[in-house]
PDB file of N, CA and C in Angstrom:
ATOM      1  N   ALA A   1      95.981 122.672 135.518  1.00  0.00           N
ATOM      2  CA  ALA A   1      95.900 123.344 134.234  1.00  0.00           C
ATOM      3  C   ALA A   1      94.523 124.024 134.128  1.00  0.00           C
ATOM      4  N   GLY A   2      94.494 125.107 133.398  1.00  0.00           N
ATOM      5  CA  GLY A   2      93.229 125.811 133.226  1.00  0.00           C
ATOM      6  C   GLY A   2      93.419 127.244 133.060  1.00  0.00           C
ATOM      7  N   VAL A   3      92.260 128.070 132.957  1.00  0.00           N
ATOM      8  CA  VAL A   3      92.402 129.495 132.884  1.00  0.00           C
ATOM      9  C   VAL A   3      91.723 130.072 134.171  1.00  0.00           C
ATOM     10  N   TYR A   4      92.457 130.954 134.758  1.00  0.00           N
ATOM     11  CA  TYR A   4      92.055 131.520 136.068  1.00  0.00           C
ATOM     12  C   TYR A   4      91.940 133.093 135.998  1.00  0.00           C
ATOM     13  N   THR A   5      91.019 133.683 136.677  1.00  0.00           N
ATOM     14  CA  THR A   5      90.999 135.150 136.805  1.00  0.00           C
ATOM     15  C   THR A   5      91.513 135.542 138.135  1.00  0.00           C
ATOM     16  N   VAL A   6      92.545 136.447 138.158  1.00  0.00           N
ATOM     17  CA  VAL A   6      93.082 136.999 139.365  1.00  0.00           C
ATOM     18  C   VAL A   6      92.694 138.448 139.441  1.00  0.00           C
ATOM     19  N   MET A   7      92.063 138.857 140.599  1.00  0.00           N
ATOM     20  CA  MET A   7      91.619 140.185 140.735  1.00  0.00           C
ATOM     21  C   MET A   7      92.276 140.860 141.986  1.00  0.00           C
ATOM     22  N   LEU A   8      92.672 142.093 141.801  1.00  0.00           N
ATOM     23  CA  LEU A   8      93.258 142.940 142.881  1.00  0.00           C
ATOM     24  C   LEU A   8      92.329 144.115 143.172  1.00  0.00           C
ATOM     25  N   SER A   9      91.912 144.252 144.375  1.00  0.00           N
ATOM     26  CA  SER A   9      91.086 145.445 144.741  1.00  0.00           C
ATOM     27  C   SER A   9      91.820 146.144 145.849  1.00  0.00           C
ATOM     28  N   VAL A  10      91.848 147.462 145.682  1.00  0.00           N
ATOM     29  CA  VAL A  10      92.530 148.309 146.761  1.00  0.00           C
ATOM     30  C   VAL A  10      91.613 149.444 147.123  1.00  0.00           C
ATOM     31  N   THR A  11      91.792 149.910 148.405  1.00  0.00           N
ATOM     32  CA  THR A  11      91.078 151.058 148.932  1.00  0.00           C
ATOM     33  C   THR A  11      92.087 151.830 149.735  1.00  0.00           C
ATOM     34  N   ASN A  12      92.175 153.177 149.393  1.00  0.00           N
ATOM     35  CA  ASN A  12      93.106 153.968 150.131  1.00  0.00           C
ATOM     36  C   ASN A  12      92.350 154.602 151.410  1.00  0.00           C
ATOM     37  N   SER A  13      93.116 155.322 152.162  1.00  0.00           N
ATOM     38  CA  SER A  13      92.529 155.843 153.472  1.00  0.00           C
ATOM     39  C   SER A  13      91.418 156.826 153.162  1.00  0.00           C
ATOM     40  N   ASN A  14      91.311 157.480 152.052  1.00  0.00           N
ATOM     41  CA  ASN A  14      90.236 158.392 151.681  1.00  0.00           C
ATOM     42  C   ASN A  14      88.985 157.730 151.226  1.00  0.00           C
ATOM     43  N   GLY A  15      89.043 156.344 151.106  1.00  0.00           N
ATOM     44  CA  GLY A  15      87.923 155.581 150.629  1.00  0.00           C
ATOM     45  C   GLY A  15      87.799 155.448 149.111  1.00  0.00           C
ATOM     46  N   CYS A  16      88.856 155.871 148.384  1.00  0.00           N
ATOM     47  CA  CYS A  16      88.914 155.650 146.942  1.00  0.00           C
ATOM     48  C   CYS A  16      89.246 154.205 146.702  1.00  0.00           C
ATOM     49  N   THR A  17      88.580 153.586 145.735  1.00  0.00           N
ATOM     50  CA  THR A  17      88.849 152.179 145.441  1.00  0.00           C
ATOM     51  C   THR A  17      89.206 152.025 143.940  1.00  0.00           C
ATOM     52  N   ASP A  18      89.855 150.945 143.663  1.00  0.00           N
ATOM     53  CA  ASP A  18      90.211 150.641 142.313  1.00  0.00           C
ATOM     54  C   ASP A  18      90.393 149.125 142.270  1.00  0.00           C
ATOM     55  N   SER A  19      90.212 148.532 141.100  1.00  0.00           N
ATOM     56  CA  SER A  19      90.468 147.091 140.990  1.00  0.00           C
ATOM     57  C   SER A  19      90.974 146.811 139.568  1.00  0.00           C
ATOM     58  N   GLN A  20      91.654 145.751 139.434  1.00  0.00           N
ATOM     59  CA  GLN A  20      92.272 145.288 138.190  1.00  0.00           C
ATOM     60  C   GLN A  20      92.179 143.796 138.166  1.00  0.00           C
ATOM     61  N   SER A  21      91.944 143.233 137.035  1.00  0.00           N
ATOM     62  CA  SER A  21      91.963 141.710 136.863  1.00  0.00           C
ATOM     63  C   SER A  21      92.754 141.341 135.690  1.00  0.00           C
ATOM     64  N   ILE A  22      93.190 140.092 135.712  1.00  0.00           N
ATOM     65  CA  ILE A  22      93.983 139.532 134.595  1.00  0.00           C
ATOM     66  C   ILE A  22      93.696 138.020 134.488  1.00  0.00           C
ATOM     67  N   LEU A  23      93.689 137.485 133.269  1.00  0.00           N
ATOM     68  CA  LEU A  23      93.471 136.079 133.108  1.00  0.00           C
ATOM     69  C   LEU A  23      94.835 135.372 133.073  1.00  0.00           C
ATOM     70  N   ILE A  24      95.036 134.335 133.790  1.00  0.00           N
ATOM     71  CA  ILE A  24      96.235 133.555 133.781  1.00  0.00           C
ATOM     72  C   ILE A  24      95.932 132.193 133.258  1.00  0.00           C
ATOM     73  N   THR A  25      96.681 131.720 132.275  1.00  0.00           N
ATOM     74  CA  THR A  25      96.507 130.440 131.681  1.00  0.00           C
ATOM     75  C   THR A  25      97.640 129.502 132.183  1.00  0.00           C
ATOM     76  N   VAL A  26      97.233 128.431 132.862  1.00  0.00           N
ATOM     77  CA  VAL A  26      98.247 127.428 133.295  1.00  0.00           C
ATOM     78  C   VAL A  26      98.144 126.231 132.351  1.00  0.00           C
ATOM     79  N   LYS A  27      99.188 126.051 131.575  1.00  0.00           N
ATOM     80  CA  LYS A  27      99.166 125.023 130.539  1.00  0.00           C
ATOM     81  C   LYS A  27      99.628 123.656 131.027  1.00  0.00           C
ATOM     82  N   TYR A  28     100.353 123.598 132.077  1.00  0.00           N
ATOM     83  CA  TYR A  28     100.879 122.317 132.519  1.00  0.00           C
ATOM     84  C   TYR A  28     100.879 122.264 134.047  1.00  0.00           C
ATOM     85  N   GLU A  29     100.371 121.171 134.563  1.00  0.00           N
ATOM     86  CA  GLU A  29     100.383 120.953 135.989  1.00  0.00           C
ATOM     87  C   GLU A  29     101.205 119.667 136.295  1.00  0.00           C
ATOM     88  N   ASP A  30     102.180 119.786 137.134  1.00  0.00           N
ATOM     89  CA  ASP A  30     103.017 118.592 137.471  1.00  0.00           C
ATOM     90  C   ASP A  30     102.191 117.413 137.994  1.00  0.00           C
ATOM     91  N   ALA A  31     102.684 116.246 137.726  1.00  0.00           N
ATOM     92  CA  ALA A  31     102.114 115.021 138.309  1.00  0.00           C
ATOM     93  C   ALA A  31     102.371 114.985 139.818  1.00  0.00           C
ATOM     94  N   THR A  32     101.527 114.458 140.575  1.00  0.00           N
ATOM     95  CA  THR A  32     101.850 114.252 141.993  1.00  0.00           C
ATOM     96  C   THR A  32     101.514 112.775 142.401  1.00  0.00           C
ATOM     97  N   LEU A  33     102.311 112.285 143.268  1.00  0.00           N
ATOM     98  CA  LEU A  33     102.143 110.941 143.827  1.00  0.00           C
ATOM     99  C   LEU A  33     102.141 111.044 145.299  1.00  0.00           C
ATOM    100  N   VAL A  34     101.147 110.620 146.017  1.00  0.00           N
ATOM    101  CA  VAL A  34     101.147 110.584 147.466  1.00  0.00           C
ATOM    102  C   VAL A  34     101.227 109.076 147.872  1.00  0.00           C
ATOM    103  N   ILE A  35     102.425 108.784 148.508  1.00  0.00           N
ATOM    104  CA  ILE A  35     102.701 107.375 148.814  1.00  0.00           C
ATOM    105  C   ILE A  35     102.818 107.219 150.341  1.00  0.00           C
ATOM    106  N   PRO A  36     102.021 106.317 150.910  1.00  0.00           N
ATOM    107  CA  PRO A  36     102.025 106.176 152.343  1.00  0.00           C
ATOM    108  C   PRO A  36     103.315 105.557 152.848  1.00  0.00           C
ATOM    109  N   ASN A  37     103.698 105.830 154.101  1.00  0.00           N
ATOM    110  CA  ASN A  37     104.909 105.247 154.647  1.00  0.00           C
ATOM    111  C   ASN A  37     104.607 104.142 155.665  1.00  0.00           C
ATOM    112  N   VAL A  38     103.301 103.845 155.891  1.00  0.00           N
ATOM    113  CA  VAL A  38     102.827 102.714 156.774  1.00  0.00           C
ATOM    114  C   VAL A  38     101.443 102.338 156.335  1.00  0.00           C
ATOM    115  N   PHE A  39     101.141 101.071 156.503  1.00  0.00           N
ATOM    116  CA  PHE A  39      99.761 100.697 156.363  1.00  0.00           C
ATOM    117  C   PHE A  39      99.506  99.462 157.305  1.00  0.00           C
ATOM    118  N   THR A  40      98.212  99.351 157.679  1.00  0.00           N
ATOM    119  CA  THR A  40      97.836  98.355 158.715  1.00  0.00           C
ATOM    120  C   THR A  40      96.716  97.459 158.237  1.00  0.00           C
ATOM    121  N   PRO A  41      97.091  96.364 157.497  1.00  0.00           N
ATOM    122  CA  PRO A  41      96.038  95.556 156.917  1.00  0.00           C
ATOM    123  C   PRO A  41      95.433  94.585 158.001  1.00  0.00           C
ATOM    124  N   ASN A  42      94.662  95.080 158.952  1.00  0.00           N
ATOM    125  CA  ASN A  42      94.124  94.323 160.080  1.00  0.00           C
ATOM    126  C   ASN A  42      92.557  94.208 159.930  1.00  0.00           C
ATOM    127  N   ASN A  43      92.016  94.438 158.793  1.00  0.00           N
ATOM    128  CA  ASN A  43      90.590  94.350 158.533  1.00  0.00           C
ATOM    129  C   ASN A  43      89.641  95.188 159.425  1.00  0.00           C
ATOM    130  N   ASP A  44      90.181  96.437 159.821  1.00  0.00           N
ATOM    131  CA  ASP A  44      89.352  97.398 160.585  1.00  0.00           C
ATOM    132  C   ASP A  44      88.807  98.449 159.649  1.00  0.00           C
ATOM    133  N   SER A  45      88.938  98.265 158.334  1.00  0.00           N
ATOM    134  CA  SER A  45      88.503  99.198 157.282  1.00  0.00           C
ATOM    135  C   SER A  45      89.148 100.632 157.366  1.00  0.00           C
ATOM    136  N   ILE A  46      90.333 100.638 158.126  1.00  0.00           N
ATOM    137  CA  ILE A  46      91.065 101.901 158.117  1.00  0.00           C
ATOM    138  C   ILE A  46      92.511 101.574 157.736  1.00  0.00           C
ATOM    139  N   ASN A  47      92.993 102.139 156.650  1.00  0.00           N
ATOM    140  CA  ASN A  47      94.359 101.974 156.184  1.00  0.00           C
ATOM    141  C   ASN A  47      94.668 100.522 155.894  1.00  0.00           C
ATOM    142  N   ASP A  48      93.726  99.763 155.393  1.00  0.00           N
ATOM    143  CA  ASP A  48      93.950  98.303 155.167  1.00  0.00           C
ATOM    144  C   ASP A  48      94.631  97.996 153.830  1.00  0.00           C
ATOM    145  N   LEU A  49      94.804  99.038 152.981  1.00  0.00           N
ATOM    146  CA  LEU A  49      95.392  98.726 151.641  1.00  0.00           C
ATOM    147  C   LEU A  49      96.508  99.798 151.413  1.00  0.00           C
ATOM    148  N   PHE A  50      97.635  99.264 150.929  1.00  0.00           N
ATOM    149  CA  PHE A  50      98.705 100.172 150.492  1.00  0.00           C
ATOM    150  C   PHE A  50      98.394 100.594 149.042  1.00  0.00           C
ATOM    151  N   TYR A  51      98.097 101.884 148.871  1.00  0.00           N
ATOM    152  CA  TYR A  51      97.809 102.348 147.531  1.00  0.00           C
ATOM    153  C   TYR A  51      98.419 103.777 147.360  1.00  0.00           C
ATOM    154  N   VAL A  52      98.460 104.168 146.101  1.00  0.00           N
ATOM    155  CA  VAL A  52      99.032 105.496 145.789  1.00  0.00           C
ATOM    156  C   VAL A  52      97.964 106.423 145.250  1.00  0.00           C
ATOM    157  N   LYS A  53      97.847 107.646 145.811  1.00  0.00           N
ATOM    158  CA  LYS A  53      97.040 108.615 145.251  1.00  0.00           C
ATOM    159  C   LYS A  53      97.850 109.481 144.333  1.00  0.00           C
ATOM    160  N   ALA A  54      97.269 109.742 143.160  1.00  0.00           N
ATOM    161  CA  ALA A  54      97.987 110.515 142.136  1.00  0.00           C
ATOM    162  C   ALA A  54      97.078 111.464 141.303  1.00  0.00           C
ATOM    163  N   THR A  55      97.774 112.474 140.798  1.00  0.00           N
ATOM    164  CA  THR A  55      97.074 113.382 139.842  1.00  0.00           C
ATOM    165  C   THR A  55      97.961 113.503 138.564  1.00  0.00           C
ATOM    166  N   ASN A  56      97.316 113.668 137.471  1.00  0.00           N
ATOM    167  CA  ASN A  56      97.975 113.914 136.120  1.00  0.00           C
ATOM    168  C   ASN A  56      98.864 112.706 135.828  1.00  0.00           C
ATOM    169  N   ILE A  57      98.452 111.523 136.086  1.00  0.00           N
ATOM    170  CA  ILE A  57      99.231 110.361 135.709  1.00  0.00           C
ATOM    171  C   ILE A  57      98.426 109.556 134.598  1.00  0.00           C
ATOM    172  N   ALA A  58      99.050 109.280 133.543  1.00  0.00           N
ATOM    173  CA  ALA A  58      98.411 108.552 132.407  1.00  0.00           C
ATOM    174  C   ALA A  58      98.708 107.024 132.496  1.00  0.00           C
ATOM    175  N   ASP A  59      99.868 106.630 132.939  1.00  0.00           N
ATOM    176  CA  ASP A  59     100.298 105.270 132.955  1.00  0.00           C
ATOM    177  C   ASP A  59     100.976 104.984 134.296  1.00  0.00           C
ATOM    178  N   PHE A  60     100.755 103.826 134.910  1.00  0.00           N
ATOM    179  CA  PHE A  60     101.288 103.586 136.291  1.00  0.00           C
ATOM    180  C   PHE A  60     101.601 102.141 136.482  1.00  0.00           C
ATOM    181  N   ASN A  61     102.693 101.891 137.249  1.00  0.00           N
ATOM    182  CA  ASN A  61     103.041 100.539 137.655  1.00  0.00           C
ATOM    183  C   ASN A  61     103.820 100.641 138.998  1.00  0.00           C
ATOM    184  N   CYS A  62     103.388  99.731 139.894  1.00  0.00           N
ATOM    185  CA  CYS A  62     104.070  99.660 141.203  1.00  0.00           C
ATOM    186  C   CYS A  62     104.417  98.230 141.512  1.00  0.00           C
ATOM    187  N   VAL A  63     105.642  98.055 141.983  1.00  0.00           N
ATOM    188  CA  VAL A  63     106.120  96.668 142.439  1.00  0.00           C
ATOM    189  C   VAL A  63     106.529  96.764 143.880  1.00  0.00           C
ATOM    190  N   ILE A  64     106.108  95.778 144.634  1.00  0.00           N
ATOM    191  CA  ILE A  64     106.424  95.732 146.069  1.00  0.00           C
ATOM    192  C   ILE A  64     107.454  94.567 146.288  1.00  0.00           C
ATOM    193  N   PHE A  65     108.485  94.823 147.106  1.00  0.00           N
ATOM    194  CA  PHE A  65     109.529  93.872 147.386  1.00  0.00           C
ATOM    195  C   PHE A  65     109.677  93.678 148.848  1.00  0.00           C
ATOM    196  N   ASP A  66     110.115  92.548 149.281  1.00  0.00           N
ATOM    197  CA  ASP A  66     110.463  92.358 150.753  1.00  0.00           C
ATOM    198  C   ASP A  66     111.888  92.816 150.955  1.00  0.00           C
ATOM    199  N   ARG A  67     112.410  92.717 152.163  1.00  0.00           N
ATOM    200  CA  ARG A  67     113.722  93.234 152.459  1.00  0.00           C
ATOM    201  C   ARG A  67     114.893  92.416 151.917  1.00  0.00           C
ATOM    202  N   TRP A  68     114.544  91.239 151.308  1.00  0.00           N
ATOM    203  CA  TRP A  68     115.573  90.414 150.617  1.00  0.00           C
ATOM    204  C   TRP A  68     115.517  90.592 149.117  1.00  0.00           C
ATOM    205  N   GLY A  69     114.677  91.452 148.645  1.00  0.00           N
ATOM    206  CA  GLY A  69     114.553  91.811 147.236  1.00  0.00           C
ATOM    207  C   GLY A  69     113.591  90.887 146.481  1.00  0.00           C
ATOM    208  N   LEU A  70     112.802  90.071 147.185  1.00  0.00           N
ATOM    209  CA  LEU A  70     111.901  89.177 146.470  1.00  0.00           C
ATOM    210  C   LEU A  70     110.570  89.976 146.184  1.00  0.00           C
ATOM    211  N   GLN A  71     110.146  89.858 144.931  1.00  0.00           N
ATOM    212  CA  GLN A  71     108.931  90.561 144.554  1.00  0.00           C
ATOM    213  C   GLN A  71     107.759  89.902 145.183  1.00  0.00           C
ATOM    214  N   PHE A  72     106.926  90.715 145.924  1.00  0.00           N
ATOM    215  CA  PHE A  72     105.725  90.273 146.600  1.00  0.00           C
ATOM    216  C   PHE A  72     104.467  90.507 145.799  1.00  0.00           C
ATOM    217  N   TYR A  73     104.358  91.674 145.193  1.00  0.00           N
ATOM    218  CA  TYR A  73     103.148  92.044 144.547  1.00  0.00           C
ATOM    219  C   TYR A  73     103.430  93.201 143.509  1.00  0.00           C
ATOM    220  N   SER A  74     102.526  93.348 142.528  1.00  0.00           N
ATOM    221  CA  SER A  74     102.616  94.390 141.607  1.00  0.00           C
ATOM    222  C   SER A  74     101.240  94.710 141.065  1.00  0.00           C
ATOM    223  N   TRP A  75     101.080  95.921 140.612  1.00  0.00           N
ATOM    224  CA  TRP A  75      99.759  96.343 139.999  1.00  0.00           C
ATOM    225  C   TRP A  75     100.018  97.519 139.035  1.00  0.00           C
ATOM    226  N   SER A  76      99.138  97.609 138.006  1.00  0.00           N
ATOM    227  CA  SER A  76      99.290  98.659 136.964  1.00  0.00           C
ATOM    228  C   SER A  76      98.088  99.525 136.828  1.00  0.00           C
ATOM    229  N   ASP A  77      97.421  99.765 137.897  1.00  0.00           N
ATOM    230  CA  ASP A  77      96.258 100.620 137.826  1.00  0.00           C
ATOM    231  C   ASP A  77      96.161 101.430 139.075  1.00  0.00           C
ATOM    232  N   LEU A  78      95.971 102.754 138.930  1.00  0.00           N
ATOM    233  CA  LEU A  78      95.847 103.599 140.145  1.00  0.00           C
ATOM    234  C   LEU A  78      94.727 103.223 141.075  1.00  0.00           C
ATOM    235  N   LYS A  79      93.774 102.449 140.613  1.00  0.00           N
ATOM    236  CA  LYS A  79      92.691 101.999 141.448  1.00  0.00           C
ATOM    237  C   LYS A  79      93.089 100.808 142.252  1.00  0.00           C
ATOM    238  N   GLY A  80      94.261 100.217 142.015  1.00  0.00           N
ATOM    239  CA  GLY A  80      94.684  98.995 142.694  1.00  0.00           C
ATOM    240  C   GLY A  80      95.546  99.368 143.938  1.00  0.00           C
ATOM    241  N   GLY A  81      96.046  98.339 144.524  1.00  0.00           N
ATOM    242  CA  GLY A  81      96.890  98.448 145.689  1.00  0.00           C
ATOM    243  C   GLY A  81      97.221  97.059 146.237  1.00  0.00           C
ATOM    244  N   TRP A  82      97.968  97.019 147.380  1.00  0.00           N
ATOM    245  CA  TRP A  82      98.375  95.766 147.962  1.00  0.00           C
ATOM    246  C   TRP A  82      97.645  95.629 149.339  1.00  0.00           C
ATOM    247  N   ASP A  83      97.053  94.457 149.541  1.00  0.00           N
ATOM    248  CA  ASP A  83      96.270  94.175 150.757  1.00  0.00           C
ATOM    249  C   ASP A  83      97.085  93.516 151.825  1.00  0.00           C
ATOM    250  N   GLY A  84      98.381  93.457 151.674  1.00  0.00           N
ATOM    251  CA  GLY A  84      99.257  92.836 152.649  1.00  0.00           C
ATOM    252  C   GLY A  84      99.308  91.326 152.678  1.00  0.00           C
ATOM    253  N   LYS A  85      98.839  90.716 151.562  1.00  0.00           N
ATOM    254  CA  LYS A  85      98.915  89.237 151.486  1.00  0.00           C
ATOM    255  C   LYS A  85      99.845  88.834 150.298  1.00  0.00           C
ATOM    256  N   THR A  86     100.436  87.671 150.444  1.00  0.00           N
ATOM    257  CA  THR A  86     101.216  87.051 149.412  1.00  0.00           C
ATOM    258  C   THR A  86     100.897  85.606 149.393  1.00  0.00           C
ATOM    259  N   GLY A  87     100.582  85.150 148.242  1.00  0.00           N
ATOM    260  CA  GLY A  87     100.173  83.715 148.091  1.00  0.00           C
ATOM    261  C   GLY A  87      98.933  83.331 148.964  1.00  0.00           C
ATOM    262  N   GLY A  88      98.025  84.345 149.133  1.00  0.00           N
ATOM    263  CA  GLY A  88      96.836  84.074 149.947  1.00  0.00           C
ATOM    264  C   GLY A  88      97.057  84.184 151.431  1.00  0.00           C
ATOM    265  N   LYS A  89      98.201  84.422 151.871  1.00  0.00           N
ATOM    266  CA  LYS A  89      98.566  84.421 153.310  1.00  0.00           C
ATOM    267  C   LYS A  89      98.993  85.817 153.696  1.00  0.00           C
ATOM    268  N   ASP A  90      98.801  86.183 154.983  1.00  0.00           N
ATOM    269  CA  ASP A  90      99.229  87.442 155.461  1.00  0.00           C
ATOM    270  C   ASP A  90     100.798  87.622 155.411  1.00  0.00           C
ATOM    271  N   ALA A  91     101.227  88.660 154.847  1.00  0.00           N
ATOM    272  CA  ALA A  91     102.709  88.985 154.890  1.00  0.00           C
ATOM    273  C   ALA A  91     103.041  89.354 156.340  1.00  0.00           C
ATOM    274  N   THR A  92     104.243  89.094 156.730  1.00  0.00           N
ATOM    275  CA  THR A  92     104.695  89.436 158.047  1.00  0.00           C
ATOM    276  C   THR A  92     104.893  90.948 158.205  1.00  0.00           C
ATOM    277  N   ASP A  93     104.753  91.405 159.485  1.00  0.00           N
ATOM    278  CA  ASP A  93     105.107  92.811 159.796  1.00  0.00           C
ATOM    279  C   ASP A  93     106.519  93.171 159.373  1.00  0.00           C
ATOM    280  N   GLY A  94     106.706  94.345 158.992  1.00  0.00           N
ATOM    281  CA  GLY A  94     108.112  94.777 158.611  1.00  0.00           C
ATOM    282  C   GLY A  94     108.202  95.838 157.635  1.00  0.00           C
ATOM    283  N   THR A  95     109.355  96.005 157.132  1.00  0.00           N
ATOM    284  CA  THR A  95     109.665  97.013 156.086  1.00  0.00           C
ATOM    285  C   THR A  95     109.565  96.382 154.723  1.00  0.00           C
ATOM    286  N   TYR A  96     108.864  96.990 153.754  1.00  0.00           N
ATOM    287  CA  TYR A  96     108.774  96.520 152.452  1.00  0.00           C
ATOM    288  C   TYR A  96     109.257  97.767 151.534  1.00  0.00           C
ATOM    289  N   PHE A  97     109.572  97.382 150.289  1.00  0.00           N
ATOM    290  CA  PHE A  97     110.063  98.415 149.373  1.00  0.00           C
ATOM    291  C   PHE A  97     109.182  98.540 148.152  1.00  0.00           C
ATOM    292  N   PHE A  98     109.112  99.696 147.573  1.00  0.00           N
ATOM    293  CA  PHE A  98     108.323  99.852 146.297  1.00  0.00           C
ATOM    294  C   PHE A  98     109.220 100.541 145.301  1.00  0.00           C
ATOM    295  N   ILE A  99     108.847 100.204 144.004  1.00  0.00           N
ATOM    296  CA  ILE A  99     109.358 100.959 142.862  1.00  0.00           C
ATOM    297  C   ILE A  99     108.170 101.310 141.999  1.00  0.00           C
ATOM    298  N   ILE A 100     108.002 102.540 141.726  1.00  0.00           N
ATOM    299  CA  ILE A 100     106.892 103.109 140.919  1.00  0.00           C
ATOM    300  C   ILE A 100     107.557 103.604 139.622  1.00  0.00           C
ATOM    301  N   ASN A 101     106.954 103.184 138.477  1.00  0.00           N
ATOM    302  CA  ASN A 101     107.280 103.731 137.217  1.00  0.00           C
ATOM    303  C   ASN A 101     105.940 104.220 136.601  1.00  0.00           C
ATOM    304  N   ALA A 102     105.914 105.495 136.310  1.00  0.00           N
ATOM    305  CA  ALA A 102     104.672 106.071 135.798  1.00  0.00           C
ATOM    306  C   ALA A 102     104.989 107.054 134.656  1.00  0.00           C
ATOM    307  N   THR A 103     103.983 107.495 133.967  1.00  0.00           N
ATOM    308  CA  THR A 103     104.078 108.519 132.920  1.00  0.00           C
ATOM    309  C   THR A 103     103.016 109.553 133.120  1.00  0.00           C
ATOM    310  N   ASP A 104     103.384 110.771 133.150  1.00  0.00           N
ATOM    311  CA  ASP A 104     102.316 111.842 133.344  1.00  0.00           C
ATOM    312  C   ASP A 104     101.565 112.134 132.135  1.00  0.00           C
ATOM    313  N   THR A 105     100.600 112.964 132.183  1.00  0.00           N
ATOM    314  CA  THR A 105      99.703 113.233 131.089  1.00  0.00           C
ATOM    315  C   THR A 105     100.392 113.979 129.927  1.00  0.00           C
ATOM    316  N   ASN A 106     101.606 114.428 130.124  1.00  0.00           N
ATOM    317  CA  ASN A 106     102.428 115.087 129.068  1.00  0.00           C
ATOM    318  C   ASN A 106     103.504 114.150 128.529  1.00  0.00           C
ATOM    319  N   GLY A 107     103.443 112.900 128.924  1.00  0.00           N
ATOM    320  CA  GLY A 107     104.459 111.912 128.438  1.00  0.00           C
ATOM    321  C   GLY A 107     105.781 111.913 129.257  1.00  0.00           C
ATOM    322  N   LYS A 108     105.876 112.654 130.345  1.00  0.00           N
ATOM    323  CA  LYS A 108     107.143 112.753 131.073  1.00  0.00           C
ATOM    324  C   LYS A 108     107.196 111.513 132.069  1.00  0.00           C
ATOM    325  N   ASP A 109     108.364 110.932 132.221  1.00  0.00           N
ATOM    326  CA  ASP A 109     108.551 109.779 133.070  1.00  0.00           C
ATOM    327  C   ASP A 109     108.543 110.259 134.567  1.00  0.00           C
ATOM    328  N   VAL A 110     107.868 109.449 135.410  1.00  0.00           N
ATOM    329  CA  VAL A 110     107.767 109.734 136.821  1.00  0.00           C
ATOM    330  C   VAL A 110     108.219 108.516 137.536  1.00  0.00           C
ATOM    331  N   LYS A 111     109.322 108.552 138.255  1.00  0.00           N
ATOM    332  CA  LYS A 111     109.850 107.373 138.953  1.00  0.00           C
ATOM    333  C   LYS A 111     110.005 107.677 140.386  1.00  0.00           C
ATOM    334  N   ARG A 112     109.588 106.739 141.275  1.00  0.00           N
ATOM    335  CA  ARG A 112     109.751 106.894 142.718  1.00  0.00           C
ATOM    336  C   ARG A 112     110.068 105.522 143.227  1.00  0.00           C
ATOM    337  N   GLN A 113     110.879 105.530 144.332  1.00  0.00           N
ATOM    338  CA  GLN A 113     111.170 104.314 145.064  1.00  0.00           C
ATOM    339  C   GLN A 113     111.415 104.599 146.515  1.00  0.00           C
ATOM    340  N   GLY A 114     111.131 103.661 147.344  1.00  0.00           N
ATOM    341  CA  GLY A 114     111.318 103.948 148.762  1.00  0.00           C
ATOM    342  C   GLY A 114     110.760 102.737 149.536  1.00  0.00           C
ATOM    343  N   SER A 115     110.506 102.958 150.869  1.00  0.00           N
ATOM    344  CA  SER A 115     110.069 101.932 151.754  1.00  0.00           C
ATOM    345  C   SER A 115     108.845 102.356 152.504  1.00  0.00           C
ATOM    346  N   PHE A 116     108.178 101.353 153.105  1.00  0.00           N
ATOM    347  CA  PHE A 116     107.063 101.593 153.990  1.00  0.00           C
ATOM    348  C   PHE A 116     106.976 100.452 155.017  1.00  0.00           C
ATOM    349  N   LEU A 117     106.231 100.648 156.075  1.00  0.00           N
ATOM    350  CA  LEU A 117     106.059  99.697 157.049  1.00  0.00           C
ATOM    351  C   LEU A 117     104.681  99.016 156.929  1.00  0.00           C
ATOM    352  N   LEU A 118     104.663  97.696 157.166  1.00  0.00           N
ATOM    353  CA  LEU A 118     103.363  96.939 157.275  1.00  0.00           C
ATOM    354  C   LEU A 118     103.280  96.593 158.734  1.00  0.00           C
ATOM    355  N   ILE A 119     102.218  97.088 159.390  1.00  0.00           N
ATOM    356  CA  ILE A 119     102.052  96.838 160.807  1.00  0.00           C
ATOM    357  C   ILE A 119     100.599  96.212 160.993  1.00  0.00           C
ATOM    358  N   ARG A 120     100.530  95.099 161.621  1.00  0.00           N
ATOM    359  CA  ARG A 120      99.204  94.446 161.767  1.00  0.00           C
ATOM    360  C   ARG A 120      98.680  94.782 163.196  1.00  0.00           C
TER     361      ARG A 120
END
């Protein structure tokens, strides 16, 4: 969202030039969620946390489930994430599932669900 100036400049084959500009106001920008499909919590400081990058999100909640539908972890802050542990112990390698319920900055519901791999 914001106000932007767009300018067009042209030059013909004789060297004559002209330009025109216009202001464009963008009033609404869609929310975005970037959700990884794999993470590797092996303490190498690379990709050790399953987290969601987002823009234009006002409220956020993510719940992680195992393949049997048991809830493993949840968090309600975009600064949070899952470190691959449950009950203080490392979760096993495999496929896990997430459900995200969020609200964008204009009050619109944003829902995502899917799966990701945990690889150690």
